[in-house]
Structure formats: C-alpha cells, structure tokens
Amino acid sequence: MMPLALLVGFLGAGKTRFLTDLIPALHTRGLRPRVILNDFSNAAIDASRLALLDALVTPLNGECVCCGSLRELMDVLQSTQGAPGDVMLIEANGATETDELLGYLTMDSRLSQFTLPVQVTVVDASRWQRRWFNNTLEAEQTGTATHILLNWIERLKPARMAAVETSVRAINPRAALTTVSEFADVLAGIATASRDTP
C-alpha cells in the first residue's frame, strides 16, 4: 500500500515551501514522492518547480479538490499504481473543506492501493485566526489534522506564540505538532509498515 498524505492550509501559509523541504527529506529516507497539486491558477507553475526536486507531479488547476475538482482528483488517484517506496502527497488549495475530502479519501473502495490518509495542516502562525470570515474554515482545517506545522513562527513574539499554540491545542488536542523531518519520518514509518499489506 502507498502512504497517502493530505496537505492543507491557507494561501501563504507555506504549503509549497513545506513540500519543497519535504520532498528531499523523503528521498533521503528511500521514498519516492508523488504529488497532486491543486491550485486555482498556479498549479502548473508550482508543479514545474517541485518536479525539479525529482518528484512525480500532477497539477490540477481549477476549483477546490473537495468539490469542483473532486472527480479529477479521484480519477488521478484511482489510476495511480505505485511501486514500493512511493508516497502520495496531495497539496490542496486554501479553501479546501477537509472533513468532506477526508470522507471521500477514506470511504472510496477504489482507493484500496492507499493507506488511510494522514493530514498535515500548515498554519500561518502570524495570521492564525485573523482571517475574518475564514476563521471558521481555518479552525476546521486544523481540527481534522493528524499533524500540524506552525509556520512563520519567527515573526511572533513569545506571548503571541504561546497564545497560538494554546488556541491550536484547544481546537485539536490530538494532532502532533510536527516539523518537516518529523513528518518525513512518519511517512517513512507508514511506508515500512504497509509495504507488504494488501
């Protein structure tokens, strides 16, 4: 089975930067990243940058993969037959409703070549819950995460950092706060554990 990871976060949170660091980290662990990149207009541009890091990248321009581009996403996933050591990463755009998307990724029997998904939410700590009417969606993306990366923390004063951590923990006390290296280790562990699992 191929590990499946969903990467979410608002525009500017640092999702593509996270992937840019994660891809080489996966290579050093003997894994081959496959990336599905969803963006309203720049998917092909970011895809070409990530492909330079030796990743197999499929761009999906258009609407969010939880609704308008869902069929295209599912078609790509269903047609993917990976080899041992492959890892599938889905970078969703900032408007993704993760609860719906995770439902599709976990319940569709045509995705039996993948493990159950893990989700990393990249949080722009400097703008956490300062997105006006999008605060609810940001909290929902955080609430469904198995892993959370607090990004841009160097911009914060200690009091604000503590407040962000407390707020994130109140929304999702189960998720692991992670780094690129730690998340690469998680995916490597899943790949090892599921390598011979039908």
N, C-alpha and C. Protein backbone atom coordinates (compact mmCIF):
# COMPACT_ATOMS: atom_id res chain seq x y z
N MET A 1 0.84 -1.19 0.00
CA MET A 1 0.00 0.00 0.00
C MET A 1 0.88 1.25 0.00
N MET A 2 0.35 2.30 -0.59
CA MET A 2 1.08 3.55 -0.69
C MET A 2 0.59 4.53 0.38
N PRO A 3 1.49 5.11 1.17
CA PRO A 3 1.06 6.13 2.12
C PRO A 3 0.42 7.31 1.41
N LEU A 4 -0.65 7.83 1.98
CA LEU A 4 -1.40 8.94 1.42
C LEU A 4 -1.42 10.07 2.44
N ALA A 5 -0.97 11.25 2.02
CA ALA A 5 -0.92 12.40 2.92
C ALA A 5 -1.60 13.59 2.27
N LEU A 6 -2.47 14.23 3.02
CA LEU A 6 -3.17 15.43 2.57
C LEU A 6 -2.52 16.63 3.24
N LEU A 7 -2.18 17.64 2.44
CA LEU A 7 -1.52 18.85 2.92
C LEU A 7 -2.45 20.02 2.68
N VAL A 8 -2.84 20.70 3.76
CA VAL A 8 -3.77 21.82 3.64
C VAL A 8 -3.24 23.03 4.41
N GLY A 9 -3.87 24.17 4.15
CA GLY A 9 -3.51 25.42 4.80
C GLY A 9 -3.88 26.57 3.88
N PHE A 10 -4.08 27.73 4.45
CA PHE A 10 -4.49 28.88 3.66
C PHE A 10 -3.38 29.37 2.75
N LEU A 11 -3.76 30.14 1.72
CA LEU A 11 -2.82 30.76 0.81
C LEU A 11 -1.80 31.56 1.61
N GLY A 12 -0.52 31.29 1.37
CA GLY A 12 0.55 31.98 2.08
C GLY A 12 0.99 31.33 3.36
N ALA A 13 0.31 30.24 3.75
CA ALA A 13 0.70 29.55 4.98
C ALA A 13 2.06 28.87 4.85
N GLY A 14 2.41 28.48 3.62
CA GLY A 14 3.70 27.84 3.39
C GLY A 14 3.61 26.39 2.98
N LYS A 15 2.50 25.99 2.35
CA LYS A 15 2.32 24.60 1.93
C LYS A 15 3.37 24.18 0.90
N THR A 16 3.56 25.00 -0.12
CA THR A 16 4.52 24.64 -1.17
C THR A 16 5.94 24.69 -0.63
N ARG A 17 6.23 25.61 0.26
CA ARG A 17 7.54 25.64 0.91
C ARG A 17 7.76 24.36 1.72
N PHE A 18 6.71 23.91 2.42
CA PHE A 18 6.77 22.67 3.17
C PHE A 18 7.08 21.50 2.24
N LEU A 19 6.38 21.43 1.11
CA LEU A 19 6.63 20.37 0.14
C LEU A 19 8.05 20.44 -0.42
N THR A 20 8.52 21.65 -0.68
CA THR A 20 9.87 21.83 -1.21
C THR A 20 10.91 21.26 -0.26
N ASP A 21 10.67 21.35 1.03
CA ASP A 21 11.58 20.77 2.03
C ASP A 21 11.30 19.29 2.27
N LEU A 22 10.03 18.89 2.15
CA LEU A 22 9.65 17.51 2.44
C LEU A 22 10.15 16.54 1.36
N ILE A 23 10.09 16.94 0.11
CA ILE A 23 10.47 16.04 -0.98
C ILE A 23 11.90 15.53 -0.82
N PRO A 24 12.90 16.40 -0.63
CA PRO A 24 14.26 15.87 -0.42
C PRO A 24 14.38 15.03 0.85
N ALA A 25 13.62 15.39 1.89
CA ALA A 25 13.66 14.60 3.13
C ALA A 25 13.12 13.20 2.90
N LEU A 26 12.12 13.07 2.04
CA LEU A 26 11.59 11.74 1.71
C LEU A 26 12.61 10.95 0.89
N HIS A 27 13.29 11.63 -0.04
CA HIS A 27 14.31 10.94 -0.83
C HIS A 27 15.41 10.37 0.06
N THR A 28 15.83 11.12 1.08
CA THR A 28 16.90 10.62 1.95
C THR A 28 16.44 9.41 2.76
N ARG A 29 15.13 9.20 2.86
CA ARG A 29 14.58 8.04 3.57
C ARG A 29 14.23 6.90 2.61
N GLY A 30 14.66 7.03 1.36
CA GLY A 30 14.44 5.98 0.37
C GLY A 30 13.05 5.96 -0.22
N LEU A 31 12.33 7.06 -0.14
CA LEU A 31 10.96 7.14 -0.64
C LEU A 31 10.90 7.98 -1.91
N ARG A 32 9.93 7.68 -2.77
CA ARG A 32 9.74 8.45 -4.00
C ARG A 32 8.41 9.20 -3.90
N PRO A 33 8.45 10.52 -3.81
CA PRO A 33 7.22 11.30 -3.67
C PRO A 33 6.47 11.46 -4.99
N ARG A 34 5.18 11.28 -4.91
CA ARG A 34 4.26 11.63 -5.99
C ARG A 34 3.40 12.76 -5.42
N VAL A 35 3.17 13.80 -6.19
CA VAL A 35 2.46 14.98 -5.68
C VAL A 35 1.30 15.31 -6.61
N ILE A 36 0.13 15.51 -6.03
CA ILE A 36 -1.00 16.10 -6.74
C ILE A 36 -1.16 17.50 -6.19
N LEU A 37 -1.06 18.47 -7.08
CA LEU A 37 -1.02 19.88 -6.67
C LEU A 37 -2.27 20.58 -7.18
N ASN A 38 -3.11 21.05 -6.27
CA ASN A 38 -4.36 21.72 -6.61
C ASN A 38 -4.24 23.21 -6.33
N ASP A 39 -4.51 24.00 -7.36
CA ASP A 39 -4.47 25.45 -7.20
C ASP A 39 -5.45 26.06 -8.19
N PHE A 40 -5.95 27.25 -7.87
CA PHE A 40 -6.91 27.89 -8.77
C PHE A 40 -6.28 28.26 -10.10
N SER A 41 -5.01 28.69 -10.10
CA SER A 41 -4.40 29.12 -11.37
C SER A 41 -2.92 28.80 -11.50
N ASN A 42 -2.21 28.55 -10.40
CA ASN A 42 -0.76 28.40 -10.46
C ASN A 42 -0.26 26.98 -10.30
N ALA A 43 -1.12 25.99 -10.44
CA ALA A 43 -0.70 24.61 -10.20
C ALA A 43 0.44 24.20 -11.13
N ALA A 44 0.36 24.56 -12.39
CA ALA A 44 1.40 24.16 -13.34
C ALA A 44 2.74 24.80 -13.01
N ILE A 45 2.72 26.04 -12.53
CA ILE A 45 3.97 26.74 -12.18
C ILE A 45 4.63 26.06 -10.98
N ASP A 46 3.85 25.85 -9.92
CA ASP A 46 4.40 25.19 -8.73
C ASP A 46 4.80 23.75 -9.05
N ALA A 47 4.03 23.10 -9.92
CA ALA A 47 4.34 21.71 -10.28
C ALA A 47 5.70 21.62 -10.97
N SER A 48 6.01 22.57 -11.84
CA SER A 48 7.30 22.52 -12.53
C SER A 48 8.45 22.75 -11.55
N ARG A 49 8.24 23.58 -10.55
CA ARG A 49 9.27 23.80 -9.53
C ARG A 49 9.50 22.54 -8.71
N LEU A 50 8.42 21.90 -8.30
CA LEU A 50 8.55 20.69 -7.49
C LEU A 50 9.12 19.52 -8.29
N ALA A 51 8.82 19.48 -9.58
CA ALA A 51 9.36 18.40 -10.42
C ALA A 51 10.88 18.48 -10.49
N LEU A 52 11.44 19.67 -10.36
CA LEU A 52 12.90 19.82 -10.35
C LEU A 52 13.52 19.13 -9.14
N LEU A 53 12.71 18.85 -8.12
CA LEU A 53 13.19 18.16 -6.92
C LEU A 53 13.06 16.65 -7.06
N ASP A 54 12.80 16.18 -8.26
CA ASP A 54 12.68 14.76 -8.55
C ASP A 54 11.43 14.15 -7.89
N ALA A 55 10.31 14.81 -8.14
CA ALA A 55 9.02 14.29 -7.70
C ALA A 55 8.12 14.14 -8.92
N LEU A 56 7.26 13.14 -8.90
CA LEU A 56 6.26 12.98 -9.97
C LEU A 56 5.07 13.86 -9.60
N VAL A 57 4.85 14.93 -10.38
CA VAL A 57 3.86 15.93 -10.00
C VAL A 57 2.73 15.98 -11.03
N THR A 58 1.50 15.96 -10.52
CA THR A 58 0.31 16.12 -11.36
C THR A 58 -0.39 17.40 -10.93
N PRO A 59 -0.41 18.42 -11.81
CA PRO A 59 -1.12 19.66 -11.44
C PRO A 59 -2.62 19.55 -11.71
N LEU A 60 -3.41 20.09 -10.82
CA LEU A 60 -4.86 20.18 -11.01
C LEU A 60 -5.26 21.64 -10.88
N ASN A 61 -5.37 22.35 -11.99
CA ASN A 61 -5.86 23.72 -11.96
C ASN A 61 -7.36 23.71 -11.81
N GLY A 62 -7.88 24.71 -11.18
CA GLY A 62 -9.32 24.81 -11.10
C GLY A 62 -9.81 24.88 -9.68
N GLU A 63 -11.03 24.42 -9.50
CA GLU A 63 -11.69 24.55 -8.21
C GLU A 63 -11.06 23.63 -7.17
N CYS A 64 -11.52 23.82 -5.97
CA CYS A 64 -11.04 23.05 -4.83
C CYS A 64 -11.28 21.56 -5.02
N VAL A 65 -10.33 20.73 -4.58
CA VAL A 65 -10.45 19.29 -4.73
C VAL A 65 -11.54 18.68 -3.85
N CYS A 66 -12.11 19.44 -2.94
CA CYS A 66 -13.20 18.89 -2.13
C CYS A 66 -14.55 19.04 -2.82
N CYS A 67 -14.58 19.78 -3.95
CA CYS A 67 -15.86 19.97 -4.63
C CYS A 67 -15.68 19.97 -6.14
N GLY A 68 -15.36 21.11 -6.74
CA GLY A 68 -15.32 21.25 -8.19
C GLY A 68 -14.33 20.35 -8.90
N SER A 69 -13.17 20.12 -8.32
CA SER A 69 -12.14 19.28 -8.94
C SER A 69 -12.05 17.89 -8.30
N LEU A 70 -13.06 17.52 -7.53
CA LEU A 70 -13.02 16.24 -6.82
C LEU A 70 -12.95 15.06 -7.79
N ARG A 71 -13.75 15.08 -8.83
CA ARG A 71 -13.76 13.95 -9.78
C ARG A 71 -12.39 13.78 -10.42
N GLU A 72 -11.77 14.90 -10.80
CA GLU A 72 -10.44 14.83 -11.41
C GLU A 72 -9.42 14.26 -10.42
N LEU A 73 -9.49 14.71 -9.16
CA LEU A 73 -8.60 14.17 -8.14
C LEU A 73 -8.79 12.66 -7.98
N MET A 74 -10.03 12.23 -7.86
CA MET A 74 -10.30 10.81 -7.65
C MET A 74 -9.87 9.99 -8.85
N ASP A 75 -10.04 10.53 -10.06
CA ASP A 75 -9.59 9.82 -11.26
C ASP A 75 -8.07 9.61 -11.24
N VAL A 76 -7.34 10.67 -10.85
CA VAL A 76 -5.88 10.56 -10.78
C VAL A 76 -5.48 9.53 -9.73
N LEU A 77 -6.10 9.59 -8.56
CA LEU A 77 -5.76 8.64 -7.50
C LEU A 77 -6.10 7.20 -7.91
N GLN A 78 -7.28 7.00 -8.49
CA GLN A 78 -7.69 5.65 -8.87
C GLN A 78 -6.79 5.04 -9.93
N SER A 79 -6.22 5.87 -10.80
CA SER A 79 -5.36 5.35 -11.87
C SER A 79 -3.90 5.20 -11.45
N THR A 80 -3.57 5.61 -10.24
CA THR A 80 -2.19 5.53 -9.77
C THR A 80 -1.89 4.15 -9.21
N GLN A 81 -0.92 3.51 -9.78
CA GLN A 81 -0.43 2.23 -9.27
C GLN A 81 1.02 2.45 -8.88
N GLY A 82 1.27 2.54 -7.62
CA GLY A 82 2.61 2.85 -7.15
C GLY A 82 3.49 1.63 -6.99
N ALA A 83 4.76 1.92 -6.84
CA ALA A 83 5.75 0.89 -6.57
C ALA A 83 6.15 0.99 -5.10
N PRO A 84 6.78 -0.05 -4.55
CA PRO A 84 7.25 0.04 -3.17
C PRO A 84 8.14 1.28 -2.98
N GLY A 85 7.87 2.01 -1.93
CA GLY A 85 8.62 3.24 -1.65
C GLY A 85 7.96 4.50 -2.15
N ASP A 86 6.86 4.38 -2.90
CA ASP A 86 6.13 5.56 -3.36
C ASP A 86 5.28 6.13 -2.22
N VAL A 87 5.16 7.44 -2.19
CA VAL A 87 4.32 8.15 -1.23
C VAL A 87 3.50 9.17 -2.01
N MET A 88 2.18 9.21 -1.79
CA MET A 88 1.32 10.17 -2.47
C MET A 88 1.02 11.35 -1.55
N LEU A 89 1.32 12.55 -2.05
CA LEU A 89 1.07 13.79 -1.32
C LEU A 89 0.07 14.62 -2.12
N ILE A 90 -0.98 15.06 -1.48
CA ILE A 90 -1.97 15.92 -2.12
C ILE A 90 -1.88 17.30 -1.47
N GLU A 91 -1.46 18.30 -2.26
CA GLU A 91 -1.50 19.68 -1.74
C GLU A 91 -2.79 20.32 -2.22
N ALA A 92 -3.70 20.54 -1.30
CA ALA A 92 -4.99 21.14 -1.62
C ALA A 92 -4.89 22.66 -1.52
N ASN A 93 -5.79 23.35 -2.23
CA ASN A 93 -5.74 24.81 -2.13
C ASN A 93 -6.34 25.28 -0.81
N GLY A 94 -6.19 26.56 -0.54
CA GLY A 94 -6.52 27.11 0.77
C GLY A 94 -7.97 27.03 1.17
N ALA A 95 -8.88 26.84 0.21
CA ALA A 95 -10.31 26.83 0.52
C ALA A 95 -10.86 25.44 0.78
N THR A 96 -10.00 24.45 0.88
CA THR A 96 -10.44 23.06 1.00
C THR A 96 -11.18 22.80 2.30
N GLU A 97 -12.34 22.17 2.19
CA GLU A 97 -13.08 21.70 3.35
C GLU A 97 -12.61 20.28 3.62
N THR A 98 -11.76 20.12 4.60
CA THR A 98 -11.06 18.85 4.80
C THR A 98 -11.96 17.72 5.28
N ASP A 99 -13.00 18.03 6.04
CA ASP A 99 -13.85 16.94 6.52
C ASP A 99 -14.50 16.19 5.36
N GLU A 100 -14.99 16.92 4.36
CA GLU A 100 -15.59 16.28 3.19
C GLU A 100 -14.56 15.49 2.40
N LEU A 101 -13.41 16.11 2.15
CA LEU A 101 -12.38 15.46 1.35
C LEU A 101 -11.86 14.20 2.03
N LEU A 102 -11.63 14.26 3.32
CA LEU A 102 -11.19 13.07 4.05
C LEU A 102 -12.23 11.95 3.98
N GLY A 103 -13.49 12.33 3.98
CA GLY A 103 -14.54 11.33 3.82
C GLY A 103 -14.41 10.58 2.51
N TYR A 104 -14.19 11.31 1.43
CA TYR A 104 -14.02 10.66 0.13
C TYR A 104 -12.76 9.79 0.10
N LEU A 105 -11.67 10.30 0.67
CA LEU A 105 -10.40 9.58 0.62
C LEU A 105 -10.42 8.31 1.48
N THR A 106 -11.25 8.28 2.50
CA THR A 106 -11.28 7.11 3.38
C THR A 106 -12.36 6.10 2.98
N MET A 107 -13.40 6.54 2.31
CA MET A 107 -14.55 5.66 2.05
C MET A 107 -14.60 5.07 0.65
N ASP A 108 -13.83 5.60 -0.28
CA ASP A 108 -13.91 5.12 -1.66
C ASP A 108 -13.11 3.83 -1.81
N SER A 109 -13.79 2.73 -2.07
CA SER A 109 -13.13 1.43 -2.16
C SER A 109 -12.20 1.32 -3.36
N ARG A 110 -12.31 2.26 -4.31
CA ARG A 110 -11.43 2.23 -5.48
C ARG A 110 -10.03 2.79 -5.16
N LEU A 111 -9.83 3.22 -3.91
CA LEU A 111 -8.52 3.74 -3.49
C LEU A 111 -7.81 2.75 -2.58
N SER A 112 -8.05 1.47 -2.80
CA SER A 112 -7.51 0.46 -1.90
C SER A 112 -6.00 0.31 -1.98
N GLN A 113 -5.35 0.93 -2.96
CA GLN A 113 -3.89 0.88 -3.04
C GLN A 113 -3.23 1.86 -2.08
N PHE A 114 -4.04 2.70 -1.40
CA PHE A 114 -3.51 3.70 -0.47
C PHE A 114 -3.85 3.32 0.98
N THR A 115 -3.00 3.78 1.89
CA THR A 115 -3.32 3.69 3.31
C THR A 115 -4.39 4.73 3.63
N LEU A 116 -4.95 4.65 4.82
CA LEU A 116 -5.81 5.73 5.26
C LEU A 116 -4.99 7.01 5.29
N PRO A 117 -5.59 8.15 4.96
CA PRO A 117 -4.80 9.38 4.85
C PRO A 117 -4.39 9.95 6.21
N VAL A 118 -3.20 10.54 6.21
CA VAL A 118 -2.80 11.42 7.30
C VAL A 118 -2.92 12.84 6.75
N GLN A 119 -3.12 13.79 7.62
CA GLN A 119 -3.31 15.18 7.18
C GLN A 119 -2.38 16.09 7.96
N VAL A 120 -1.60 16.87 7.24
CA VAL A 120 -0.81 17.91 7.88
C VAL A 120 -1.41 19.26 7.48
N THR A 121 -1.74 20.04 8.48
CA THR A 121 -2.22 21.39 8.25
C THR A 121 -1.09 22.36 8.54
N VAL A 122 -0.75 23.16 7.53
CA VAL A 122 0.28 24.19 7.70
C VAL A 122 -0.44 25.46 8.14
N VAL A 123 -0.08 25.93 9.32
CA VAL A 123 -0.72 27.09 9.92
C VAL A 123 0.22 28.28 9.85
N ASP A 124 -0.25 29.36 9.26
CA ASP A 124 0.50 30.63 9.30
C ASP A 124 0.28 31.21 10.69
N ALA A 125 1.23 30.95 11.58
CA ALA A 125 1.07 31.34 12.98
C ALA A 125 0.91 32.85 13.14
N SER A 126 1.51 33.62 12.24
CA SER A 126 1.42 35.07 12.35
C SER A 126 0.02 35.60 12.01
N ARG A 127 -0.76 34.79 11.28
CA ARG A 127 -2.12 35.22 10.91
C ARG A 127 -3.20 34.32 11.49
N TRP A 128 -2.81 33.43 12.39
CA TRP A 128 -3.76 32.47 12.95
C TRP A 128 -4.99 33.17 13.53
N GLN A 129 -6.17 32.75 13.04
CA GLN A 129 -7.48 33.26 13.47
C GLN A 129 -7.60 34.78 13.33
N ARG A 130 -6.92 35.30 12.31
CA ARG A 130 -7.05 36.71 11.94
C ARG A 130 -7.49 36.81 10.48
N ARG A 131 -8.36 35.91 10.08
CA ARG A 131 -8.80 35.83 8.68
C ARG A 131 -10.29 36.18 8.54
N TRP A 132 -10.82 36.90 9.48
CA TRP A 132 -12.19 37.37 9.46
C TRP A 132 -13.15 36.22 9.25
N PHE A 133 -13.89 36.25 8.12
CA PHE A 133 -14.92 35.23 7.90
C PHE A 133 -14.33 33.87 7.57
N ASN A 134 -13.02 33.78 7.36
CA ASN A 134 -12.39 32.48 7.09
C ASN A 134 -11.84 31.82 8.35
N ASN A 135 -12.01 32.44 9.50
CA ASN A 135 -11.50 31.84 10.74
C ASN A 135 -12.11 30.46 11.00
N THR A 136 -13.39 30.30 10.67
CA THR A 136 -14.05 29.02 10.89
C THR A 136 -13.43 27.93 10.04
N LEU A 137 -13.19 28.24 8.75
CA LEU A 137 -12.58 27.25 7.86
C LEU A 137 -11.16 26.91 8.30
N GLU A 138 -10.40 27.92 8.73
CA GLU A 138 -9.05 27.67 9.22
C GLU A 138 -9.07 26.74 10.44
N ALA A 139 -10.02 26.97 11.33
CA ALA A 139 -10.16 26.11 12.51
C ALA A 139 -10.58 24.70 12.12
N GLU A 140 -11.47 24.57 11.14
CA GLU A 140 -11.91 23.25 10.69
C GLU A 140 -10.75 22.48 10.05
N GLN A 141 -9.92 23.16 9.25
CA GLN A 141 -8.75 22.50 8.65
C GLN A 141 -7.79 22.03 9.73
N THR A 142 -7.70 22.76 10.79
CA THR A 142 -6.84 22.38 11.91
C THR A 142 -7.46 21.25 12.72
N GLY A 143 -8.76 21.28 12.87
CA GLY A 143 -9.45 20.27 13.68
C GLY A 143 -9.40 18.87 13.12
N THR A 144 -9.25 18.72 11.80
CA THR A 144 -9.21 17.39 11.19
C THR A 144 -7.78 16.87 11.00
N ALA A 145 -6.79 17.65 11.37
CA ALA A 145 -5.39 17.29 11.12
C ALA A 145 -4.91 16.17 12.05
N THR A 146 -4.04 15.33 11.50
CA THR A 146 -3.30 14.39 12.34
C THR A 146 -1.97 15.01 12.77
N HIS A 147 -1.50 16.00 11.97
CA HIS A 147 -0.24 16.69 12.23
C HIS A 147 -0.43 18.17 11.89
N ILE A 148 0.23 19.02 12.66
CA ILE A 148 0.14 20.47 12.45
C ILE A 148 1.55 21.05 12.42
N LEU A 149 1.81 21.84 11.39
CA LEU A 149 3.07 22.57 11.30
C LEU A 149 2.78 24.04 11.55
N LEU A 150 3.33 24.59 12.62
CA LEU A 150 3.20 26.03 12.88
C LEU A 150 4.31 26.73 12.12
N ASN A 151 3.92 27.49 11.11
CA ASN A 151 4.87 28.13 10.21
C ASN A 151 4.98 29.63 10.51
N TRP A 152 6.05 30.22 10.06
CA TRP A 152 6.33 31.65 10.22
C TRP A 152 6.38 32.06 11.70
N ILE A 153 6.83 31.15 12.54
CA ILE A 153 6.88 31.45 13.98
C ILE A 153 7.96 32.46 14.33
N GLU A 154 8.93 32.61 13.44
CA GLU A 154 9.99 33.60 13.70
C GLU A 154 9.45 35.03 13.69
N ARG A 155 8.25 35.23 13.18
CA ARG A 155 7.63 36.55 13.13
C ARG A 155 6.91 36.91 14.43
N LEU A 156 6.80 35.94 15.35
CA LEU A 156 5.96 36.13 16.53
C LEU A 156 6.77 36.47 17.78
N LYS A 157 6.16 37.27 18.62
CA LYS A 157 6.69 37.48 19.96
C LYS A 157 6.27 36.29 20.82
N PRO A 158 7.01 36.02 21.90
CA PRO A 158 6.71 34.83 22.72
C PRO A 158 5.26 34.76 23.22
N ALA A 159 4.67 35.88 23.59
CA ALA A 159 3.30 35.86 24.10
C ALA A 159 2.32 35.44 23.00
N ARG A 160 2.51 35.95 21.80
CA ARG A 160 1.63 35.59 20.68
C ARG A 160 1.83 34.11 20.33
N MET A 161 3.08 33.65 20.35
CA MET A 161 3.35 32.24 20.04
C MET A 161 2.64 31.32 21.03
N ALA A 162 2.71 31.66 22.29
CA ALA A 162 2.04 30.86 23.32
C ALA A 162 0.53 30.87 23.11
N ALA A 163 -0.02 32.02 22.74
CA ALA A 163 -1.46 32.12 22.51
C ALA A 163 -1.89 31.29 21.31
N VAL A 164 -1.07 31.29 20.25
CA VAL A 164 -1.38 30.50 19.06
C VAL A 164 -1.36 29.01 19.41
N GLU A 165 -0.32 28.57 20.10
CA GLU A 165 -0.22 27.16 20.47
C GLU A 165 -1.40 26.72 21.33
N THR A 166 -1.78 27.56 22.29
CA THR A 166 -2.91 27.25 23.16
C THR A 166 -4.21 27.14 22.36
N SER A 167 -4.40 28.07 21.43
CA SER A 167 -5.61 28.08 20.61
C SER A 167 -5.66 26.86 19.69
N VAL A 168 -4.54 26.54 19.05
CA VAL A 168 -4.48 25.37 18.17
C VAL A 168 -4.76 24.10 18.97
N ARG A 169 -4.16 24.00 20.14
CA ARG A 169 -4.36 22.82 21.00
C ARG A 169 -5.81 22.71 21.48
N ALA A 170 -6.47 23.84 21.71
CA ALA A 170 -7.87 23.79 22.12
C ALA A 170 -8.75 23.23 21.00
N ILE A 171 -8.41 23.54 19.76
CA ILE A 171 -9.16 23.05 18.60
C ILE A 171 -8.85 21.58 18.32
N ASN A 172 -7.57 21.22 18.44
CA ASN A 172 -7.18 19.84 18.13
C ASN A 172 -6.10 19.36 19.10
N PRO A 173 -6.50 18.80 20.22
CA PRO A 173 -5.51 18.33 21.20
C PRO A 173 -4.83 17.03 20.80
N ARG A 174 -5.35 16.32 19.79
CA ARG A 174 -4.80 15.02 19.40
C ARG A 174 -3.68 15.11 18.38
N ALA A 175 -3.68 16.15 17.56
CA ALA A 175 -2.70 16.24 16.47
C ALA A 175 -1.30 16.45 17.01
N ALA A 176 -0.33 15.91 16.30
CA ALA A 176 1.07 16.09 16.67
C ALA A 176 1.59 17.37 16.03
N LEU A 177 2.20 18.24 16.84
CA LEU A 177 2.91 19.37 16.27
C LEU A 177 4.16 18.79 15.62
N THR A 178 4.43 19.17 14.39
CA THR A 178 5.46 18.48 13.62
C THR A 178 6.41 19.44 12.94
N THR A 179 7.49 18.87 12.42
CA THR A 179 8.44 19.57 11.56
C THR A 179 8.51 18.78 10.25
N VAL A 180 9.21 19.32 9.28
CA VAL A 180 9.39 18.60 8.02
C VAL A 180 10.04 17.25 8.26
N SER A 181 11.12 17.24 9.03
CA SER A 181 11.85 16.00 9.28
C SER A 181 10.98 14.98 10.02
N GLU A 182 10.25 15.42 11.02
CA GLU A 182 9.39 14.51 11.78
C GLU A 182 8.27 13.94 10.91
N PHE A 183 7.71 14.77 10.03
CA PHE A 183 6.64 14.28 9.17
C PHE A 183 7.19 13.30 8.13
N ALA A 184 8.40 13.55 7.65
CA ALA A 184 9.05 12.60 6.73
C ALA A 184 9.25 11.26 7.43
N ASP A 185 9.63 11.29 8.71
CA ASP A 185 9.78 10.05 9.48
C ASP A 185 8.45 9.32 9.61
N VAL A 186 7.37 10.06 9.82
CA VAL A 186 6.04 9.44 9.93
C VAL A 186 5.69 8.71 8.63
N LEU A 187 5.90 9.39 7.49
CA LEU A 187 5.57 8.77 6.21
C LEU A 187 6.47 7.57 5.94
N ALA A 188 7.74 7.66 6.33
CA ALA A 188 8.64 6.51 6.16
C ALA A 188 8.17 5.33 7.01
N GLY A 189 7.72 5.61 8.22
CA GLY A 189 7.20 4.55 9.09
C GLY A 189 5.95 3.90 8.51
N ILE A 190 5.06 4.71 7.95
CA ILE A 190 3.84 4.16 7.32
C ILE A 190 4.23 3.31 6.12
N ALA A 191 5.19 3.80 5.33
CA ALA A 191 5.62 3.05 4.13
C ALA A 191 6.20 1.70 4.52
N THR A 192 7.00 1.67 5.57
CA THR A 192 7.58 0.42 6.03
C THR A 192 6.51 -0.53 6.56
N ALA A 193 5.60 -0.01 7.37
CA ALA A 193 4.58 -0.84 7.99
C ALA A 193 3.59 -1.40 6.98
N SER A 194 3.36 -0.66 5.89
CA SER A 194 2.32 -1.08 4.94
C SER A 194 2.90 -1.68 3.66
N ARG A 195 4.20 -1.84 3.59
CA ARG A 195 4.84 -2.29 2.35
C ARG A 195 4.26 -3.60 1.82
N ASP A 196 4.03 -4.55 2.68
CA ASP A 196 3.54 -5.86 2.23
C ASP A 196 2.08 -6.09 2.57
N THR A 197 1.37 -5.01 2.85
CA THR A 197 -0.04 -5.13 3.23
C THR A 197 -0.91 -5.05 1.99
N PRO A 198 -1.77 -6.03 1.74
CA PRO A 198 -2.64 -5.96 0.55
C PRO A 198 -3.74 -4.94 0.74
